[in-house]
Amino acid sequence: MRKPRLAEFPDSVTERGTKHLRELAQMRADGARAAMLYVIQIPSADRFAIARDIDPAYGAAFDQARKAGVEMLAWRCSVNLAGIQIVTPVPILEG
């Protein structure tokens, strides 16, 4: 189903991504600041969501990491011949 203006992650099952979220949650539990940054290269995207239908394990790890205090950030970037620049924060939709 097409979801206009929505960027989603992941686009396939990502055991490595799930592992990284668990590691970030552990860092928070150990007292460190931890953040996950999703960089969106779709110029029209104005919101972001976790593709739970593609990788439910990643979705669960995302929820656990967020609950543990990992900061979740999504930013849209501008891509052109001069380079890539992070420009605009994008809201992350709830599960």
PDB file of N, CA and C in Angstrom:
ATOM      1  N   MET A   1       0.840  -1.185   0.000  1.00  0.00           N
ATOM      2  CA  MET A   1       0.000   0.000   0.000  1.00  0.00           C
ATOM      3  C   MET A   1       0.885   1.248   0.000  1.00  0.00           C
ATOM      4  N   ARG A   2       0.669   2.118  -0.918  1.00  0.00           N
ATOM      5  CA  ARG A   2       1.441   3.351  -1.041  1.00  0.00           C
ATOM      6  C   ARG A   2       1.056   4.324   0.055  1.00  0.00           C
ATOM      7  N   LYS A   3       2.055   4.922   0.686  1.00  0.00           N
ATOM      8  CA  LYS A   3       1.840   5.890   1.770  1.00  0.00           C
ATOM      9  C   LYS A   3       2.568   7.175   1.393  1.00  0.00           C
ATOM     10  N   PRO A   4       1.885   8.086   0.705  1.00  0.00           N
ATOM     11  CA  PRO A   4       2.543   9.307   0.236  1.00  0.00           C
ATOM     12  C   PRO A   4       3.204  10.090   1.375  1.00  0.00           C
ATOM     13  N   ARG A   5       4.383  10.628   1.077  1.00  0.00           N
ATOM     14  CA  ARG A   5       5.124  11.522   1.962  1.00  0.00           C
ATOM     15  C   ARG A   5       5.631  10.839   3.233  1.00  0.00           C
ATOM     16  N   LEU A   6       5.586   9.504   3.257  1.00  0.00           N
ATOM     17  CA  LEU A   6       6.048   8.739   4.414  1.00  0.00           C
ATOM     18  C   LEU A   6       7.332   7.994   4.069  1.00  0.00           C
ATOM     19  N   ALA A   7       8.366   8.200   4.877  1.00  0.00           N
ATOM     20  CA  ALA A   7       9.601   7.420   4.757  1.00  0.00           C
ATOM     21  C   ALA A   7       9.540   6.332   5.819  1.00  0.00           C
ATOM     22  N   GLU A   8       9.955   5.110   5.463  1.00  0.00           N
ATOM     23  CA  GLU A   8       9.945   3.996   6.406  1.00  0.00           C
ATOM     24  C   GLU A   8      11.298   3.298   6.430  1.00  0.00           C
ATOM     25  N   PHE A   9      11.604   2.715   7.566  1.00  0.00           N
ATOM     26  CA  PHE A   9      12.803   1.894   7.729  1.00  0.00           C
ATOM     27  C   PHE A   9      12.434   0.736   8.633  1.00  0.00           C
ATOM     28  N   PRO A  10      12.943  -0.439   8.382  1.00  0.00           N
ATOM     29  CA  PRO A  10      13.836  -0.872   7.312  1.00  0.00           C
ATOM     30  C   PRO A  10      13.053  -1.271   6.063  1.00  0.00           C
ATOM     31  N   ASP A  11      13.803  -1.457   4.967  1.00  0.00           N
ATOM     32  CA  ASP A  11      13.157  -1.921   3.736  1.00  0.00           C
ATOM     33  C   ASP A  11      13.348  -3.418   3.529  1.00  0.00           C
ATOM     34  N   SER A  12      14.035  -4.063   4.481  1.00  0.00           N
ATOM     35  CA  SER A  12      14.183  -5.519   4.512  1.00  0.00           C
ATOM     36  C   SER A  12      14.537  -5.904   5.948  1.00  0.00           C
ATOM     37  N   VAL A  13      14.502  -7.179   6.246  1.00  0.00           N
ATOM     38  CA  VAL A  13      14.843  -7.632   7.595  1.00  0.00           C
ATOM     39  C   VAL A  13      16.294  -7.245   7.885  1.00  0.00           C
ATOM     40  N   THR A  14      16.526  -6.674   9.065  1.00  0.00           N
ATOM     41  CA  THR A  14      17.859  -6.229   9.415  1.00  0.00           C
ATOM     42  C   THR A  14      18.256  -6.698  10.811  1.00  0.00           C
ATOM     43  N   GLU A  15      18.861  -7.850  10.863  1.00  0.00           N
ATOM     44  CA  GLU A  15      19.349  -8.351  12.151  1.00  0.00           C
ATOM     45  C   GLU A  15      20.403  -7.415  12.719  1.00  0.00           C
ATOM     46  N   ARG A  16      21.224  -6.867  11.854  1.00  0.00           N
ATOM     47  CA  ARG A  16      22.266  -5.935  12.292  1.00  0.00           C
ATOM     48  C   ARG A  16      21.642  -4.675  12.902  1.00  0.00           C
ATOM     49  N   GLY A  17      20.595  -4.152  12.272  1.00  0.00           N
ATOM     50  CA  GLY A  17      19.911  -2.975  12.804  1.00  0.00           C
ATOM     51  C   GLY A  17      19.284  -3.259  14.154  1.00  0.00           C
ATOM     52  N   THR A  18      18.686  -4.429  14.301  1.00  0.00           N
ATOM     53  CA  THR A  18      18.094  -4.835  15.574  1.00  0.00           C
ATOM     54  C   THR A  18      19.177  -4.914  16.645  1.00  0.00           C
ATOM     55  N   LYS A  19      20.315  -5.483  16.293  1.00  0.00           N
ATOM     56  CA  LYS A  19      21.448  -5.577  17.218  1.00  0.00           C
ATOM     57  C   LYS A  19      21.898  -4.185  17.665  1.00  0.00           C
ATOM     58  N   HIS A  20      21.973  -3.248  16.724  1.00  0.00           N
ATOM     59  CA  HIS A  20      22.401  -1.889  17.068  1.00  0.00           C
ATOM     60  C   HIS A  20      21.432  -1.222  18.039  1.00  0.00           C
ATOM     61  N   LEU A  21      20.138  -1.406  17.833  1.00  0.00           N
ATOM     62  CA  LEU A  21      19.163  -0.822  18.760  1.00  0.00           C
ATOM     63  C   LEU A  21      19.311  -1.424  20.158  1.00  0.00           C
ATOM     64  N   ARG A  22      19.544  -2.717  20.229  1.00  0.00           N
ATOM     65  CA  ARG A  22      19.743  -3.364  21.531  1.00  0.00           C
ATOM     66  C   ARG A  22      21.003  -2.831  22.210  1.00  0.00           C
ATOM     67  N   GLU A  23      22.054  -2.605  21.430  1.00  0.00           N
ATOM     68  CA  GLU A  23      23.296  -2.049  21.984  1.00  0.00           C
ATOM     69  C   GLU A  23      23.077  -0.630  22.501  1.00  0.00           C
ATOM     70  N   LEU A  24      22.308   0.171  21.783  1.00  0.00           N
ATOM     71  CA  LEU A  24      22.005   1.528  22.244  1.00  0.00           C
ATOM     72  C   LEU A  24      21.204   1.498  23.538  1.00  0.00           C
ATOM     73  N   ALA A  25      20.248   0.583  23.638  1.00  0.00           N
ATOM     74  CA  ALA A  25      19.464   0.447  24.869  1.00  0.00           C
ATOM     75  C   ALA A  25      20.374   0.067  26.038  1.00  0.00           C
ATOM     76  N   GLN A  26      21.333  -0.807  25.784  1.00  0.00           N
ATOM     77  CA  GLN A  26      22.272  -1.198  26.839  1.00  0.00           C
ATOM     78  C   GLN A  26      23.157  -0.024  27.251  1.00  0.00           C
ATOM     79  N   MET A  27      23.554   0.792  26.294  1.00  0.00           N
ATOM     80  CA  MET A  27      24.344   1.984  26.610  1.00  0.00           C
ATOM     81  C   MET A  27      23.576   2.912  27.545  1.00  0.00           C
ATOM     82  N   ARG A  28      22.281   3.080  27.266  1.00  0.00           N
ATOM     83  CA  ARG A  28      21.432   3.913  28.142  1.00  0.00           C
ATOM     84  C   ARG A  28      21.362   3.299  29.530  1.00  0.00           C
ATOM     85  N   ALA A  29      21.185   1.984  29.593  1.00  0.00           N
ATOM     86  CA  ALA A  29      21.103   1.293  30.888  1.00  0.00           C
ATOM     87  C   ALA A  29      22.403   1.476  31.670  1.00  0.00           C
ATOM     88  N   ASP A  30      23.507   1.622  30.963  1.00  0.00           N
ATOM     89  CA  ASP A  30      24.811   1.826  31.599  1.00  0.00           C
ATOM     90  C   ASP A  30      25.065   3.289  31.944  1.00  0.00           C
ATOM     91  N   GLY A  31      24.102   4.158  31.624  1.00  0.00           N
ATOM     92  CA  GLY A  31      24.208   5.562  32.013  1.00  0.00           C
ATOM     93  C   GLY A  31      24.675   6.520  30.933  1.00  0.00           C
ATOM     94  N   ALA A  32      24.917   6.037  29.735  1.00  0.00           N
ATOM     95  CA  ALA A  32      25.377   6.909  28.647  1.00  0.00           C
ATOM     96  C   ALA A  32      24.188   7.504  27.897  1.00  0.00           C
ATOM     97  N   ARG A  33      24.441   8.594  27.223  1.00  0.00           N
ATOM     98  CA  ARG A  33      23.451   9.140  26.300  1.00  0.00           C
ATOM     99  C   ARG A  33      23.518   8.309  25.026  1.00  0.00           C
ATOM    100  N   ALA A  34      22.375   7.986  24.449  1.00  0.00           N
ATOM    101  CA  ALA A  34      22.338   7.197  23.218  1.00  0.00           C
ATOM    102  C   ALA A  34      21.252   7.762  22.306  1.00  0.00           C
ATOM    103  N   ALA A  35      21.552   7.807  21.019  1.00  0.00           N
ATOM    104  CA  ALA A  35      20.592   8.321  20.043  1.00  0.00           C
ATOM    105  C   ALA A  35      20.672   7.513  18.753  1.00  0.00           C
ATOM    106  N   MET A  36      19.534   7.375  18.111  1.00  0.00           N
ATOM    107  CA  MET A  36      19.436   6.736  16.795  1.00  0.00           C
ATOM    108  C   MET A  36      18.961   7.800  15.824  1.00  0.00           C
ATOM    109  N   LEU A  37      19.737   8.037  14.776  1.00  0.00           N
ATOM    110  CA  LEU A  37      19.402   9.047  13.777  1.00  0.00           C
ATOM    111  C   LEU A  37      19.052   8.359  12.462  1.00  0.00           C
ATOM    112  N   TYR A  38      17.847   8.619  11.984  1.00  0.00           N
ATOM    113  CA  TYR A  38      17.410   8.135  10.681  1.00  0.00           C
ATOM    114  C   TYR A  38      17.527   9.307   9.707  1.00  0.00           C
ATOM    115  N   VAL A  39      18.338   9.161   8.669  1.00  0.00           N
ATOM    116  CA  VAL A  39      18.542  10.213   7.678  1.00  0.00           C
ATOM    117  C   VAL A  39      17.707   9.866   6.448  1.00  0.00           C
ATOM    118  N   ILE A  40      16.800  10.749   6.101  1.00  0.00           N
ATOM    119  CA  ILE A  40      15.842  10.515   5.025  1.00  0.00           C
ATOM    120  C   ILE A  40      16.285  11.264   3.777  1.00  0.00           C
ATOM    121  N   GLN A  41      16.454  10.532   2.696  1.00  0.00           N
ATOM    122  CA  GLN A  41      16.900  11.138   1.441  1.00  0.00           C
ATOM    123  C   GLN A  41      15.763  11.295   0.438  1.00  0.00           C
ATOM    124  N   ILE A  42      14.544  11.245   0.918  1.00  0.00           N
ATOM    125  CA  ILE A  42      13.370  11.424   0.064  1.00  0.00           C
ATOM    126  C   ILE A  42      12.886  12.857   0.247  1.00  0.00           C
ATOM    127  N   PRO A  43      13.043  13.713  -0.742  1.00  0.00           N
ATOM    128  CA  PRO A  43      12.727  15.139  -0.567  1.00  0.00           C
ATOM    129  C   PRO A  43      11.285  15.422  -0.161  1.00  0.00           C
ATOM    130  N   SER A  44      10.349  14.589  -0.579  1.00  0.00           N
ATOM    131  CA  SER A  44       8.935  14.835  -0.287  1.00  0.00           C
ATOM    132  C   SER A  44       8.486  14.284   1.070  1.00  0.00           C
ATOM    133  N   ALA A  45       9.319  13.507   1.732  1.00  0.00           N
ATOM    134  CA  ALA A  45       8.908  12.879   2.999  1.00  0.00           C
ATOM    135  C   ALA A  45       8.733  13.932   4.084  1.00  0.00           C
ATOM    136  N   ASP A  46       7.598  13.890   4.758  1.00  0.00           N
ATOM    137  CA  ASP A  46       7.372  14.816   5.871  1.00  0.00           C
ATOM    138  C   ASP A  46       7.032  14.081   7.169  1.00  0.00           C
ATOM    139  N   ARG A  47       7.232  12.736   7.167  1.00  0.00           N
ATOM    140  CA  ARG A  47       7.026  11.925   8.362  1.00  0.00           C
ATOM    141  C   ARG A  47       7.785  10.616   8.186  1.00  0.00           C
ATOM    142  N   PHE A  48       7.998   9.942   9.306  1.00  0.00           N
ATOM    143  CA  PHE A  48       8.816   8.734   9.314  1.00  0.00           C
ATOM    144  C   PHE A  48       8.146   7.685  10.184  1.00  0.00           C
ATOM    145  N   ALA A  49       8.282   6.418   9.805  1.00  0.00           N
ATOM    146  CA  ALA A  49       7.731   5.323  10.598  1.00  0.00           C
ATOM    147  C   ALA A  49       8.629   4.094  10.474  1.00  0.00           C
ATOM    148  N   ILE A  50       8.534   3.234  11.456  1.00  0.00           N
ATOM    149  CA  ILE A  50       9.215   1.951  11.406  1.00  0.00           C
ATOM    150  C   ILE A  50       8.336   0.987  10.605  1.00  0.00           C
ATOM    151  N   ALA A  51       8.938   0.297   9.654  1.00  0.00           N
ATOM    152  CA  ALA A  51       8.210  -0.649   8.797  1.00  0.00           C
ATOM    153  C   ALA A  51       8.077  -1.985   9.545  1.00  0.00           C
ATOM    154  N   ARG A  52       7.172  -2.003  10.496  1.00  0.00           N
ATOM    155  CA  ARG A  52       6.975  -3.180  11.353  1.00  0.00           C
ATOM    156  C   ARG A  52       6.488  -4.389  10.570  1.00  0.00           C
ATOM    157  N   ASP A  53       5.787  -4.144   9.458  1.00  0.00           N
ATOM    158  CA  ASP A  53       5.313  -5.251   8.638  1.00  0.00           C
ATOM    159  C   ASP A  53       6.468  -5.960   7.937  1.00  0.00           C
ATOM    160  N   ILE A  54       7.548  -5.259   7.698  1.00  0.00           N
ATOM    161  CA  ILE A  54       8.718  -5.844   7.039  1.00  0.00           C
ATOM    162  C   ILE A  54       9.620  -6.556   8.038  1.00  0.00           C
ATOM    163  N   ASP A  55       9.823  -5.924   9.225  1.00  0.00           N
ATOM    164  CA  ASP A  55      10.712  -6.521  10.227  1.00  0.00           C
ATOM    165  C   ASP A  55      10.151  -6.288  11.636  1.00  0.00           C
ATOM    166  N   PRO A  56       9.262  -7.174  12.078  1.00  0.00           N
ATOM    167  CA  PRO A  56       8.664  -7.032  13.410  1.00  0.00           C
ATOM    168  C   PRO A  56       9.698  -7.035  14.535  1.00  0.00           C
ATOM    169  N   ALA A  57      10.789  -7.785  14.381  1.00  0.00           N
ATOM    170  CA  ALA A  57      11.826  -7.817  15.421  1.00  0.00           C
ATOM    171  C   ALA A  57      12.491  -6.447  15.566  1.00  0.00           C
ATOM    172  N   TYR A  58      12.733  -5.780  14.440  1.00  0.00           N
ATOM    173  CA  TYR A  58      13.302  -4.437  14.494  1.00  0.00           C
ATOM    174  C   TYR A  58      12.320  -3.487  15.176  1.00  0.00           C
ATOM    175  N   GLY A  59      11.043  -3.614  14.842  1.00  0.00           N
ATOM    176  CA  GLY A  59      10.020  -2.776  15.477  1.00  0.00           C
ATOM    177  C   GLY A  59      10.002  -2.958  16.985  1.00  0.00           C
ATOM    178  N   ALA A  60      10.098  -4.194  17.439  1.00  0.00           N
ATOM    179  CA  ALA A  60      10.115  -4.469  18.884  1.00  0.00           C
ATOM    180  C   ALA A  60      11.375  -3.895  19.523  1.00  0.00           C
ATOM    181  N   ALA A  61      12.525  -4.023  18.853  1.00  0.00           N
ATOM    182  CA  ALA A  61      13.778  -3.482  19.384  1.00  0.00           C
ATOM    183  C   ALA A  61      13.719  -1.953  19.434  1.00  0.00           C
ATOM    184  N   PHE A  62      13.085  -1.335  18.435  1.00  0.00           N
ATOM    185  CA  PHE A  62      12.897   0.109  18.424  1.00  0.00           C
ATOM    186  C   PHE A  62      12.095   0.540  19.651  1.00  0.00           C
ATOM    187  N   ASP A  63      10.988  -0.146  19.897  1.00  0.00           N
ATOM    188  CA  ASP A  63      10.137   0.182  21.048  1.00  0.00           C
ATOM    189  C   ASP A  63      10.896   0.021  22.359  1.00  0.00           C
ATOM    190  N   GLN A  64      11.647  -1.051  22.494  1.00  0.00           N
ATOM    191  CA  GLN A  64      12.416  -1.295  23.719  1.00  0.00           C
ATOM    192  C   GLN A  64      13.496  -0.234  23.906  1.00  0.00           C
ATOM    193  N   ALA A  65      14.168   0.131  22.830  1.00  0.00           N
ATOM    194  CA  ALA A  65      15.221   1.146  22.918  1.00  0.00           C
ATOM    195  C   ALA A  65      14.627   2.504  23.295  1.00  0.00           C
ATOM    196  N   ARG A  66      13.524   2.852  22.684  1.00  0.00           N
ATOM    197  CA  ARG A  66      12.872   4.129  23.006  1.00  0.00           C
ATOM    198  C   ARG A  66      12.441   4.146  24.470  1.00  0.00           C
ATOM    199  N   LYS A  67      11.861   3.038  24.920  1.00  0.00           N
ATOM    200  CA  LYS A  67      11.427   2.936  26.320  1.00  0.00           C
ATOM    201  C   LYS A  67      12.624   3.037  27.272  1.00  0.00           C
ATOM    202  N   ALA A  68      13.783   2.545  26.847  1.00  0.00           N
ATOM    203  CA  ALA A  68      15.000   2.597  27.663  1.00  0.00           C
ATOM    204  C   ALA A  68      15.602   4.002  27.701  1.00  0.00           C
ATOM    205  N   GLY A  69      15.092   4.896  26.856  1.00  0.00           N
ATOM    206  CA  GLY A  69      15.582   6.270  26.856  1.00  0.00           C
ATOM    207  C   GLY A  69      16.468   6.644  25.690  1.00  0.00           C
ATOM    208  N   VAL A  70      16.573   5.766  24.698  1.00  0.00           N
ATOM    209  CA  VAL A  70      17.346   6.104  23.500  1.00  0.00           C
ATOM    210  C   VAL A  70      16.581   7.192  22.743  1.00  0.00           C
ATOM    211  N   GLU A  71      17.271   8.266  22.406  1.00  0.00           N
ATOM    212  CA  GLU A  71      16.648   9.344  21.640  1.00  0.00           C
ATOM    213  C   GLU A  71      16.465   8.874  20.200  1.00  0.00           C
ATOM    214  N   MET A  72      15.273   9.030  19.676  1.00  0.00           N
ATOM    215  CA  MET A  72      14.977   8.644  18.297  1.00  0.00           C
ATOM    216  C   MET A  72      14.763   9.910  17.478  1.00  0.00           C
ATOM    217  N   LEU A  73      15.579  10.079  16.450  1.00  0.00           N
ATOM    218  CA  LEU A  73      15.547  11.276  15.628  1.00  0.00           C
ATOM    219  C   LEU A  73      15.425  10.890  14.157  1.00  0.00           C
ATOM    220  N   ALA A  74      14.630  11.645  13.426  1.00  0.00           N
ATOM    221  CA  ALA A  74      14.534  11.474  11.975  1.00  0.00           C
ATOM    222  C   ALA A  74      14.689  12.851  11.347  1.00  0.00           C
ATOM    223  N   TRP A  75      15.617  12.947  10.410  1.00  0.00           N
ATOM    224  CA  TRP A  75      15.865  14.213   9.723  1.00  0.00           C
ATOM    225  C   TRP A  75      15.901  13.979   8.223  1.00  0.00           C
ATOM    226  N   ARG A  76      15.261  14.873   7.509  1.00  0.00           N
ATOM    227  CA  ARG A  76      15.318  14.851   6.047  1.00  0.00           C
ATOM    228  C   ARG A  76      16.562  15.620   5.621  1.00  0.00           C
ATOM    229  N   CYS A  77      17.159  15.185   4.535  1.00  0.00           N
ATOM    230  CA  CYS A  77      18.346  15.875   4.051  1.00  0.00           C
ATOM    231  C   CYS A  77      18.112  16.381   2.633  1.00  0.00           C
ATOM    232  N   SER A  78      18.986  17.266   2.242  1.00  0.00           N
ATOM    233  CA  SER A  78      18.993  17.790   0.889  1.00  0.00           C
ATOM    234  C   SER A  78      20.170  17.152   0.165  1.00  0.00           C
ATOM    235  N   VAL A  79      19.897  16.578  -0.977  1.00  0.00           N
ATOM    236  CA  VAL A  79      20.943  15.929  -1.767  1.00  0.00           C
ATOM    237  C   VAL A  79      21.060  16.677  -3.092  1.00  0.00           C
ATOM    238  N   ASN A  80      22.276  17.140  -3.394  1.00  0.00           N
ATOM    239  CA  ASN A  80      22.523  17.789  -4.677  1.00  0.00           C
ATOM    240  C   ASN A  80      23.975  17.550  -5.081  1.00  0.00           C
ATOM    241  N   LEU A  81      24.391  18.113  -6.182  1.00  0.00           N
ATOM    242  CA  LEU A  81      25.750  17.883  -6.674  1.00  0.00           C
ATOM    243  C   LEU A  81      26.823  18.404  -5.721  1.00  0.00           C
ATOM    244  N   ALA A  82      26.477  19.366  -4.888  1.00  0.00           N
ATOM    245  CA  ALA A  82      27.443  19.923  -3.933  1.00  0.00           C
ATOM    246  C   ALA A  82      27.613  19.042  -2.704  1.00  0.00           C
ATOM    247  N   GLY A  83      26.642  18.147  -2.460  1.00  0.00           N
ATOM    248  CA  GLY A  83      26.752  17.263  -1.309  1.00  0.00           C
ATOM    249  C   GLY A  83      25.417  16.953  -0.676  1.00  0.00           C
ATOM    250  N   ILE A  84      25.504  16.472   0.547  1.00  0.00           N
ATOM    251  CA  ILE A  84      24.315  16.110   1.325  1.00  0.00           C
ATOM    252  C   ILE A  84      24.327  16.962   2.585  1.00  0.00           C
ATOM    253  N   GLN A  85      23.168  17.561   2.899  1.00  0.00           N
ATOM    254  CA  GLN A  85      23.068  18.397   4.083  1.00  0.00           C
ATOM    255  C   GLN A  85      21.813  18.015   4.859  1.00  0.00           C
ATOM    256  N   ILE A  86      21.971  17.795   6.164  1.00  0.00           N
ATOM    257  CA  ILE A  86      20.823  17.527   7.040  1.00  0.00           C
ATOM    258  C   ILE A  86      20.084  18.848   7.224  1.00  0.00           C
ATOM    259  N   VAL A  87      18.761  18.872   6.952  1.00  0.00           N
ATOM    260  CA  VAL A  87      18.071  20.162   6.949  1.00  0.00           C
ATOM    261  C   VAL A  87      16.832  20.264   7.833  1.00  0.00           C
ATOM    262  N   THR A  88      16.026  19.213   7.916  1.00  0.00           N
ATOM    263  CA  THR A  88      14.727  19.359   8.568  1.00  0.00           C
ATOM    264  C   THR A  88      14.367  18.160   9.427  1.00  0.00           C
ATOM    265  N   PRO A  89      13.997  18.398  10.706  1.00  0.00           N
ATOM    266  CA  PRO A  89      13.522  17.265  11.512  1.00  0.00           C
ATOM    267  C   PRO A  89      12.159  16.803  10.998  1.00  0.00           C
ATOM    268  N   VAL A  90      11.919  15.513  11.107  1.00  0.00           N
ATOM    269  CA  VAL A  90      10.667  14.902  10.639  1.00  0.00           C
ATOM    270  C   VAL A  90      10.082  14.111  11.800  1.00  0.00           C
ATOM    271  N   PRO A  91       8.778  14.241  12.066  1.00  0.00           N
ATOM    272  CA  PRO A  91       8.201  13.473  13.177  1.00  0.00           C
ATOM    273  C   PRO A  91       8.228  11.969  12.934  1.00  0.00           C
ATOM    274  N   ILE A  92       8.442  11.236  14.000  1.00  0.00           N
ATOM    275  CA  ILE A  92       8.404   9.764  13.953  1.00  0.00           C
ATOM    276  C   ILE A  92       7.021   9.325  14.423  1.00  0.00           C
ATOM    277  N   LEU A  93       6.316   8.621  13.569  1.00  0.00           N
ATOM    278  CA  LEU A  93       4.965   8.148  13.914  1.00  0.00           C
ATOM    279  C   LEU A  93       5.057   7.018  14.915  1.00  0.00           C
ATOM    280  N   GLU A  94       4.120   6.958  15.818  1.00  0.00           N
ATOM    281  CA  GLU A  94       4.050   5.890  16.819  1.00  0.00           C
ATOM    282  C   GLU A  94       3.624   4.586  16.158  1.00  0.00           C
ATOM    283  N   GLY A  95       4.097   3.482  16.744  1.00  0.00           N
ATOM    284  CA  GLY A  95       3.848   2.131  16.281  1.00  0.00           C
ATOM    285  C   GLY A  95       2.495   1.847  15.810  1.00  0.00           C
TER     286      GLY A  95
END
